[in-house]
Amino acid sequence: MTTILPIEQKDHEMADERQRVAARTTWISVAINLVLTVLQVVVGIFSKSQALIADGLHSLSDLVADFVVLFANRHSHQAPDEGHHYGHARYETVASLWLGVILLVAGLGMLLRAGERLTSGSAAPTVHSIALWVACITLFAKEGLFRYMLKEAERVRSSMLVANAWHARSDAASSLVVALGIAGNLLGYTFLDALAASLVGFMVARMGWKFGWDALQDLSDAAPDAETVTAIRRTLEGTVGVQGVHELRTRKMGDMVLVDAHVLVNPTISVSEGHFIAEQARRLVLANHPVLDVLVHVDPEDDNDAKRSAILPDRNHVRASLLPHLPGQTLREEQLVLHYLDGQLELDLFLNPEDLPDPAELDRLKAALATLAHTSAHIRDIRLHHSLRKPS
């Protein structure tokens, strides 16, 4: 038998699993990058390979990035508090921004150093063959790390972990360039080692720019991709009782999305049914999309018409205009139902049989209400609901 968990419980369990995966994969990355950094820098200095040293500095930037991810992972899943009503999910976005900055700075530094070597005019030294072995070991280690991290990141739907995984793939790509540059140097094309170092710098800087730009877009309340927005709209429109959706607004919040939407419902239903429809729409969106929260506003009509209704009289004014025609009536709140539609007002007036037992008095009241509706600039119709027979 399949157990269906409440939406809130499933979200909480997914958040816990995402946090565990982030910690595990990042610590594995820390261990691998620490070993590679030491190995590449030491062997790079010994073998006189600028490309291997640059790749080692790249691995060092990975270490810094891993600790940024660990910090964000620890804080991004904290519960909402007085200072963060929507939680702390944007810590992941800030972490992605710092990842981008770190990579951009590191890449530009590598480009600068490699460019100086290439333009210096001096002959580049031939590197030792051990540098090629270390470059190949690094290539396989980082490609394996990428595949593992991406699989886990996609399983728990974490954009920060996906970014960190592709960071590892960029490391593998840079290590491939380094291996080719060292191999070319060993074959006699000594300038290829410095050229490989410059290519590594460019790749790192490009990846840093991409991560940083995407994070800035998220921090500026950018909407998710069009496919996600369209899918959310379809879910809202497919909710029973929803007749239309407008003013759908979305913005990213870490890995999740915040949604605001106006839904059209039948204007004659009760407030409680309208609220029920809104809650059903909200639950369906939360259950079927990577959405953190949904704010659903219920509309009985298009908002352009609702703006015209804002100038209409409120309940107290309407009640005051009706009471002179209802001798001895108190007109309780549930006896008067107001419909603000198309910039005009429609009234449903409910009277008990004992309120107006005389048929002549009832006819007089109907005529008075008809005159009131005809002469009023705001009232379009007044419907009287009354029975001459008392309930048994």
Protein backbone atom coordinates (compact mmCIF):
# COMPACT_ATOMS: atom_id res chain seq x y z
CA MET A 1 0.00 0.00 0.00
CA THR A 2 1.30 3.45 -0.95
CA THR A 3 1.37 6.06 1.79
CA ILE A 4 0.55 9.60 0.68
CA LEU A 5 2.37 12.13 2.83
CA PRO A 6 1.08 15.66 3.48
CA ILE A 7 2.66 18.31 1.26
CA GLU A 8 4.34 20.04 4.20
CA GLN A 9 5.87 16.77 5.41
CA LYS A 10 7.15 15.88 1.95
CA ASP A 11 8.72 19.34 1.57
CA HIS A 12 10.39 19.02 4.95
CA GLU A 13 11.77 15.56 4.16
CA MET A 14 13.08 16.76 0.77
CA ALA A 15 14.80 19.73 2.44
CA ASP A 16 16.46 17.42 4.98
CA GLU A 17 17.59 15.04 2.24
CA ARG A 18 18.93 17.95 0.17
CA GLN A 19 20.94 19.15 3.15
CA ARG A 20 22.40 15.70 3.82
CA VAL A 21 23.35 15.23 0.16
CA ALA A 22 24.93 18.68 0.02
CA ALA A 23 27.06 17.99 3.08
CA ARG A 24 28.15 14.53 1.88
CA THR A 25 29.01 15.49 -1.70
CA THR A 26 30.76 18.68 -0.68
CA TRP A 27 32.97 16.97 1.90
CA ILE A 28 33.93 14.37 -0.71
CA SER A 29 34.79 17.25 -3.05
CA VAL A 30 36.84 18.91 -0.31
CA ALA A 31 38.89 15.77 0.23
CA ILE A 32 39.54 15.24 -3.49
CA ASN A 33 40.40 18.89 -4.17
CA LEU A 34 42.72 19.07 -1.18
CA VAL A 35 44.74 16.10 -2.42
CA LEU A 36 44.76 17.39 -6.00
CA THR A 37 45.75 20.93 -5.02
CA VAL A 38 48.83 19.74 -3.14
CA LEU A 39 49.74 17.22 -5.85
CA GLN A 40 49.35 19.64 -8.76
CA VAL A 41 51.15 22.60 -7.21
CA VAL A 42 54.08 20.53 -5.89
CA VAL A 43 54.51 18.55 -9.12
CA GLY A 44 53.90 21.68 -11.20
CA ILE A 45 56.73 23.53 -9.48
CA PHE A 46 59.02 20.49 -9.72
CA SER A 47 58.21 19.85 -13.40
CA LYS A 48 58.17 23.56 -14.36
CA SER A 49 54.62 23.30 -15.76
CA GLN A 50 52.74 26.59 -15.57
CA ALA A 51 49.59 24.86 -16.79
CA LEU A 52 49.67 22.31 -13.97
CA ILE A 53 50.27 25.05 -11.41
CA ALA A 54 47.33 27.01 -12.83
CA ASP A 55 45.16 23.91 -12.58
CA GLY A 56 46.35 23.48 -9.01
CA LEU A 57 45.28 27.03 -8.20
CA HIS A 58 41.98 26.19 -9.84
CA SER A 59 41.64 23.24 -7.46
CA LEU A 60 42.46 25.60 -4.60
CA SER A 61 39.60 27.87 -5.68
CA ASP A 62 37.42 24.74 -5.65
CA LEU A 63 38.33 24.22 -2.01
CA VAL A 64 37.23 27.76 -1.17
CA ALA A 65 34.05 27.24 -3.17
CA ASP A 66 33.33 23.99 -1.32
CA PHE A 67 33.48 25.76 2.01
CA VAL A 68 31.13 28.45 0.69
CA VAL A 69 28.68 25.69 -0.27
CA LEU A 70 28.98 24.09 3.17
CA PHE A 71 28.23 27.43 4.81
CA ALA A 72 25.20 28.02 2.60
CA ASN A 73 23.97 24.46 3.11
CA ARG A 74 24.05 24.90 6.86
CA HIS A 75 22.09 28.15 6.85
CA SER A 76 19.76 27.92 3.82
CA HIS A 77 17.47 25.30 5.37
CA GLN A 78 16.79 27.12 8.61
CA ALA A 79 13.13 27.69 9.40
CA PRO A 80 11.55 31.13 8.82
CA ASP A 81 12.09 33.60 11.63
CA GLU A 82 11.18 37.20 12.48
CA GLY A 83 13.83 38.55 10.15
CA HIS A 84 13.24 36.09 7.28
CA HIS A 85 9.55 35.36 6.87
CA TYR A 86 10.13 33.28 3.73
CA GLY A 87 12.97 31.26 5.20
CA HIS A 88 16.65 31.36 4.24
CA ALA A 89 16.60 29.68 0.83
CA ARG A 90 18.42 32.57 -0.81
CA TYR A 91 21.57 31.66 1.07
CA GLU A 92 22.02 29.16 -1.78
CA THR A 93 21.72 31.94 -4.33
CA VAL A 94 24.23 34.07 -2.44
CA ALA A 95 26.55 31.05 -2.31
CA SER A 96 26.25 30.65 -6.08
CA LEU A 97 27.11 34.34 -6.45
CA TRP A 98 30.26 33.91 -4.35
CA LEU A 99 31.17 30.82 -6.35
CA GLY A 100 30.94 32.93 -9.48
CA VAL A 101 33.09 35.71 -8.04
CA ILE A 102 35.74 33.26 -6.85
CA LEU A 103 35.94 31.55 -10.23
CA LEU A 104 35.94 34.84 -12.15
CA VAL A 105 38.82 36.28 -10.10
CA ALA A 106 40.80 33.03 -10.25
CA GLY A 107 40.28 32.72 -14.00
CA LEU A 108 41.31 36.29 -14.74
CA GLY A 109 44.45 35.81 -12.60
CA MET A 110 45.39 32.70 -14.58
CA LEU A 111 44.82 34.51 -17.86
CA LEU A 112 47.04 37.38 -16.77
CA ARG A 113 49.93 35.15 -15.70
CA ALA A 114 49.72 32.98 -18.82
CA GLY A 115 49.52 36.04 -21.04
CA GLU A 116 52.66 37.47 -19.50
CA ARG A 117 54.51 34.18 -20.16
CA LEU A 118 53.32 34.01 -23.78
CA THR A 119 54.24 37.63 -24.56
CA SER A 120 57.54 37.73 -22.68
CA GLY A 121 59.52 36.52 -25.72
CA SER A 122 61.66 34.15 -23.66
CA ALA A 123 61.77 30.45 -24.51
CA ALA A 124 59.47 28.29 -22.41
CA PRO A 125 61.10 25.40 -20.57
CA THR A 126 60.35 21.77 -21.33
CA VAL A 127 58.29 20.24 -18.55
CA HIS A 128 58.95 16.90 -16.86
CA SER A 129 56.86 13.94 -17.97
CA ILE A 130 55.48 13.41 -14.47
CA ALA A 131 53.32 16.50 -15.02
CA LEU A 132 51.39 14.64 -17.73
CA TRP A 133 50.67 11.73 -15.38
CA VAL A 134 49.36 14.09 -12.69
CA ALA A 135 47.23 15.94 -15.27
CA CYS A 136 45.64 12.64 -16.39
CA ILE A 137 45.00 11.54 -12.80
CA THR A 138 43.35 14.91 -12.13
CA LEU A 139 41.22 14.62 -15.27
CA PHE A 140 39.75 11.24 -14.31
CA ALA A 141 39.26 12.22 -10.67
CA LYS A 142 37.33 15.40 -11.49
CA GLU A 143 35.21 13.80 -14.22
CA GLY A 144 34.19 11.08 -11.77
CA LEU A 145 33.44 13.69 -9.11
CA PHE A 146 31.27 15.62 -11.60
CA ARG A 147 29.17 12.60 -12.53
CA TYR A 148 28.60 11.67 -8.90
CA MET A 149 27.72 15.22 -7.78
CA LEU A 150 25.38 15.92 -10.71
CA LYS A 151 23.44 12.69 -10.15
CA GLU A 152 22.91 13.55 -6.47
CA ALA A 153 22.10 17.22 -7.18
CA GLU A 154 19.41 16.36 -9.73
CA ARG A 155 17.92 13.75 -7.40
CA VAL A 156 17.31 16.35 -4.65
CA ARG A 157 16.67 19.27 -7.08
CA SER A 158 19.32 21.67 -5.73
CA SER A 159 20.50 24.42 -8.08
CA MET A 160 23.45 25.18 -5.81
CA LEU A 161 24.63 21.56 -5.98
CA VAL A 162 24.06 21.48 -9.75
CA ALA A 163 26.25 24.59 -10.02
CA ASN A 164 28.93 22.95 -7.90
CA ALA A 165 28.73 19.77 -10.01
CA TRP A 166 29.21 21.68 -13.26
CA HIS A 167 32.05 23.48 -11.57
CA ALA A 168 33.66 20.05 -11.21
CA ARG A 169 32.98 19.38 -14.92
CA SER A 170 34.72 22.65 -15.81
CA ASP A 171 37.63 21.40 -13.69
CA ALA A 172 37.70 18.18 -15.70
CA ALA A 173 37.63 20.14 -18.95
CA SER A 174 40.46 22.38 -17.78
CA SER A 175 42.46 19.32 -16.74
CA LEU A 176 42.01 17.91 -20.25
CA VAL A 177 43.35 21.15 -21.72
CA VAL A 178 46.27 21.01 -19.29
CA ALA A 179 47.06 17.41 -20.26
CA LEU A 180 47.03 18.31 -23.96
CA GLY A 181 49.21 21.37 -23.33
CA ILE A 182 51.76 19.37 -21.36
CA ALA A 183 51.76 16.63 -24.01
CA GLY A 184 52.42 19.26 -26.68
CA ASN A 185 55.24 20.73 -24.61
CA LEU A 186 56.83 17.30 -24.28
CA LEU A 187 56.62 16.88 -28.07
CA GLY A 188 58.65 20.06 -28.54
CA TYR A 189 55.97 22.73 -28.75
CA THR A 190 57.00 24.31 -25.46
CA PHE A 191 54.65 27.31 -25.74
CA LEU A 192 51.64 24.98 -25.48
CA ASP A 193 52.05 24.67 -21.70
CA ALA A 194 51.52 28.44 -21.22
CA LEU A 195 48.77 28.42 -23.84
CA ALA A 196 47.00 25.65 -21.92
CA ALA A 197 47.28 27.72 -18.75
CA SER A 198 45.63 30.68 -20.51
CA LEU A 199 42.81 28.46 -21.81
CA VAL A 200 42.22 27.14 -18.30
CA GLY A 201 42.00 30.72 -17.06
CA PHE A 202 39.48 31.60 -19.74
CA MET A 203 37.29 28.56 -18.99
CA VAL A 204 37.32 29.27 -15.27
CA ALA A 205 36.52 32.95 -15.75
CA ARG A 206 33.67 32.14 -18.17
CA MET A 207 32.10 29.67 -15.75
CA GLY A 208 32.43 32.19 -12.92
CA TRP A 209 30.69 34.86 -14.99
CA LYS A 210 27.82 32.49 -15.78
CA PHE A 211 27.28 31.45 -12.15
CA GLY A 212 27.53 35.03 -10.91
CA TRP A 213 25.14 36.39 -13.55
CA ASP A 214 22.54 33.69 -12.90
CA ALA A 215 22.73 34.34 -9.16
CA LEU A 216 22.28 38.09 -9.69
CA GLN A 217 19.18 37.38 -11.77
CA ASP A 218 17.71 35.29 -8.96
CA LEU A 219 18.51 37.95 -6.36
CA SER A 220 16.71 40.54 -8.50
CA ASP A 221 13.48 38.46 -8.37
CA ALA A 222 13.82 37.01 -11.85
CA ALA A 223 11.07 34.62 -12.91
CA PRO A 224 11.82 30.94 -13.55
CA ASP A 225 11.91 29.60 -17.08
CA ALA A 226 8.82 29.94 -19.29
CA GLU A 227 8.08 26.21 -19.17
CA THR A 228 7.79 26.27 -15.38
CA VAL A 229 5.48 29.31 -15.44
CA THR A 230 3.28 27.71 -18.11
CA ALA A 231 3.02 24.48 -16.12
CA ILE A 232 2.00 26.39 -12.98
CA ARG A 233 -0.66 28.29 -14.93
CA ARG A 234 -2.10 25.05 -16.30
CA THR A 235 -2.33 23.59 -12.80
CA LEU A 236 -4.20 26.65 -11.53
CA GLU A 237 -6.56 26.65 -14.53
CA GLY A 238 -7.24 22.95 -14.05
CA THR A 239 -8.46 23.38 -10.47
CA VAL A 240 -12.18 22.66 -10.09
CA GLY A 241 -14.05 25.95 -9.70
CA VAL A 242 -11.38 28.16 -11.29
CA GLN A 243 -12.77 29.96 -14.35
CA GLY A 244 -9.64 31.88 -15.27
CA VAL A 245 -6.19 32.95 -14.11
CA HIS A 246 -4.59 36.37 -14.45
CA GLU A 247 -1.80 38.42 -12.85
CA LEU A 248 0.29 35.27 -12.40
CA ARG A 249 3.64 36.38 -11.00
CA THR A 250 6.60 34.19 -10.08
CA ARG A 251 10.05 34.76 -8.65
CA LYS A 252 12.85 32.42 -7.74
CA MET A 253 13.80 31.77 -4.12
CA GLY A 254 16.88 29.56 -4.07
CA ASP A 255 15.88 26.29 -5.73
CA MET A 256 12.20 27.03 -5.30
CA VAL A 257 9.65 29.47 -6.71
CA LEU A 258 7.27 31.92 -5.04
CA VAL A 259 3.92 32.33 -6.83
CA ASP A 260 1.20 35.02 -6.71
CA ALA A 261 -1.95 34.52 -8.77
CA HIS A 262 -5.47 35.86 -9.17
CA VAL A 263 -8.12 33.24 -9.94
CA LEU A 264 -11.62 33.95 -11.27
CA VAL A 265 -14.51 32.09 -9.64
CA ASN A 266 -18.29 32.19 -9.96
CA PRO A 267 -19.31 35.51 -8.35
CA THR A 268 -22.43 34.04 -6.72
CA ILE A 269 -20.72 31.36 -4.63
CA SER A 270 -20.09 31.79 -0.92
CA VAL A 271 -16.92 33.25 0.56
CA SER A 272 -16.09 29.89 2.11
CA GLU A 273 -16.36 28.08 -1.23
CA GLY A 274 -14.16 30.69 -2.88
CA HIS A 275 -11.59 30.17 -0.12
CA PHE A 276 -11.85 26.39 -0.59
CA ILE A 277 -11.17 26.72 -4.32
CA ALA A 278 -8.14 28.92 -3.62
CA GLU A 279 -6.74 26.41 -1.13
CA GLN A 280 -7.24 23.56 -3.59
CA ALA A 281 -5.37 25.53 -6.26
CA ARG A 282 -2.56 26.25 -3.82
CA ARG A 283 -2.20 22.63 -2.76
CA LEU A 284 -2.12 21.38 -6.35
CA VAL A 285 0.65 23.81 -7.29
CA LEU A 286 2.70 22.90 -4.21
CA ALA A 287 2.26 19.20 -4.89
CA ASN A 288 3.22 19.30 -8.58
CA HIS A 289 5.88 21.99 -8.93
CA PRO A 290 9.11 23.15 -7.19
CA VAL A 291 7.20 25.92 -5.41
CA LEU A 292 7.92 27.23 -1.92
CA ASP A 293 4.60 29.01 -1.40
CA VAL A 294 1.56 30.23 -3.34
CA LEU A 295 -0.56 33.28 -2.64
CA VAL A 296 -3.95 32.93 -4.36
CA HIS A 297 -6.26 35.94 -4.63
CA VAL A 298 -9.90 35.14 -5.40
CA ASP A 299 -11.66 37.41 -7.92
CA PRO A 300 -15.37 37.34 -8.82
CA GLU A 301 -14.61 39.29 -12.01
CA ASP A 302 -11.81 40.83 -14.02
CA ASP A 303 -9.76 43.28 -11.95
CA ASN A 304 -10.47 46.15 -14.38
CA ASP A 305 -14.15 45.87 -13.52
CA ALA A 306 -13.32 45.50 -9.83
CA LYS A 307 -11.58 48.88 -9.92
CA ARG A 308 -14.83 50.50 -11.03
CA SER A 309 -16.60 48.77 -8.15
CA ALA A 310 -14.33 50.51 -5.64
CA ILE A 311 -16.48 53.69 -5.80
CA LEU A 312 -19.68 51.85 -4.87
CA PRO A 313 -21.30 52.24 -1.42
CA ASP A 314 -20.34 49.79 1.32
CA ARG A 315 -22.67 47.57 3.36
CA ASN A 316 -23.44 50.23 5.98
CA HIS A 317 -24.59 52.73 3.36
CA VAL A 318 -26.70 50.15 1.53
CA ARG A 319 -28.30 49.01 4.78
CA ALA A 320 -29.11 52.61 5.71
CA SER A 321 -30.87 53.12 2.35
CA LEU A 322 -32.97 49.96 2.79
CA LEU A 323 -34.10 50.34 6.41
CA PRO A 324 -36.64 53.16 5.76
CA HIS A 325 -38.55 50.73 3.51
CA LEU A 326 -38.55 47.95 6.13
CA PRO A 327 -40.70 49.03 9.06
CA GLY A 328 -39.59 47.38 12.26
CA GLN A 329 -36.78 45.51 10.53
CA THR A 330 -33.28 45.19 11.96
CA LEU A 331 -31.87 43.62 8.77
CA ARG A 332 -29.32 41.21 10.12
CA GLU A 333 -26.09 40.75 8.20
CA GLU A 334 -27.00 37.34 6.80
CA GLN A 335 -30.26 38.76 5.36
CA LEU A 336 -28.43 41.07 2.96
CA VAL A 337 -26.06 39.71 0.32
CA LEU A 338 -24.16 42.22 -1.83
CA HIS A 339 -22.69 41.51 -5.28
CA TYR A 340 -20.16 44.05 -6.58
CA LEU A 341 -20.06 43.17 -10.28
CA ASP A 342 -19.29 45.07 -13.50
CA GLY A 343 -18.99 48.35 -11.65
CA GLN A 344 -22.52 48.09 -10.24
CA LEU A 345 -24.28 46.64 -7.22
CA GLU A 346 -26.78 43.80 -7.03
CA LEU A 347 -28.64 42.97 -3.82
CA ASP A 348 -30.26 39.80 -2.51
CA LEU A 349 -32.63 40.56 0.38
CA PHE A 350 -33.85 37.59 2.44
CA LEU A 351 -36.95 38.06 4.65
CA ASN A 352 -38.72 35.50 6.81
CA PRO A 353 -42.47 34.98 6.33
CA GLU A 354 -43.21 36.38 9.78
CA ASP A 355 -41.43 39.63 8.92
CA LEU A 356 -44.09 40.63 6.34
CA PRO A 357 -47.22 38.49 6.87
CA ASP A 358 -49.51 40.93 5.02
CA PRO A 359 -49.48 40.42 1.19
CA ALA A 360 -50.29 44.10 0.66
CA GLU A 361 -47.26 45.11 2.73
CA LEU A 362 -45.17 42.74 0.66
CA ASP A 363 -46.38 44.32 -2.60
CA ARG A 364 -45.60 47.78 -1.23
CA LEU A 365 -42.07 46.68 -0.33
CA LYS A 366 -41.47 45.20 -3.79
CA ALA A 367 -42.58 48.45 -5.44
CA ALA A 368 -40.35 50.51 -3.12
CA LEU A 369 -37.32 48.32 -3.82
CA ALA A 370 -37.94 48.51 -7.57
CA THR A 371 -38.09 52.31 -7.37
CA LEU A 372 -34.88 52.39 -5.30
CA ALA A 373 -33.04 50.24 -7.85
CA HIS A 374 -34.34 52.37 -10.75
CA THR A 375 -33.37 55.71 -9.23
CA SER A 376 -30.00 54.68 -7.75
CA ALA A 377 -26.88 55.41 -9.77
CA HIS A 378 -25.12 52.38 -8.29
CA ILE A 379 -27.76 49.68 -7.74
CA ARG A 380 -28.58 47.57 -10.79
CA ASP A 381 -31.01 45.10 -9.23
CA ILE A 382 -32.62 44.20 -5.90
CA ARG A 383 -33.93 40.66 -5.55
CA LEU A 384 -36.37 39.98 -2.72
CA HIS A 385 -36.59 36.44 -1.35
CA HIS A 386 -39.75 35.88 0.72
CA SER A 387 -42.41 33.22 1.36
CA LEU A 388 -45.99 33.94 2.49
CA ARG A 389 -46.23 30.61 4.25
CA LYS A 390 -44.46 30.09 7.51
CA PRO A 391 -42.33 26.95 7.80
CA SER A 392 -44.10 24.16 9.75
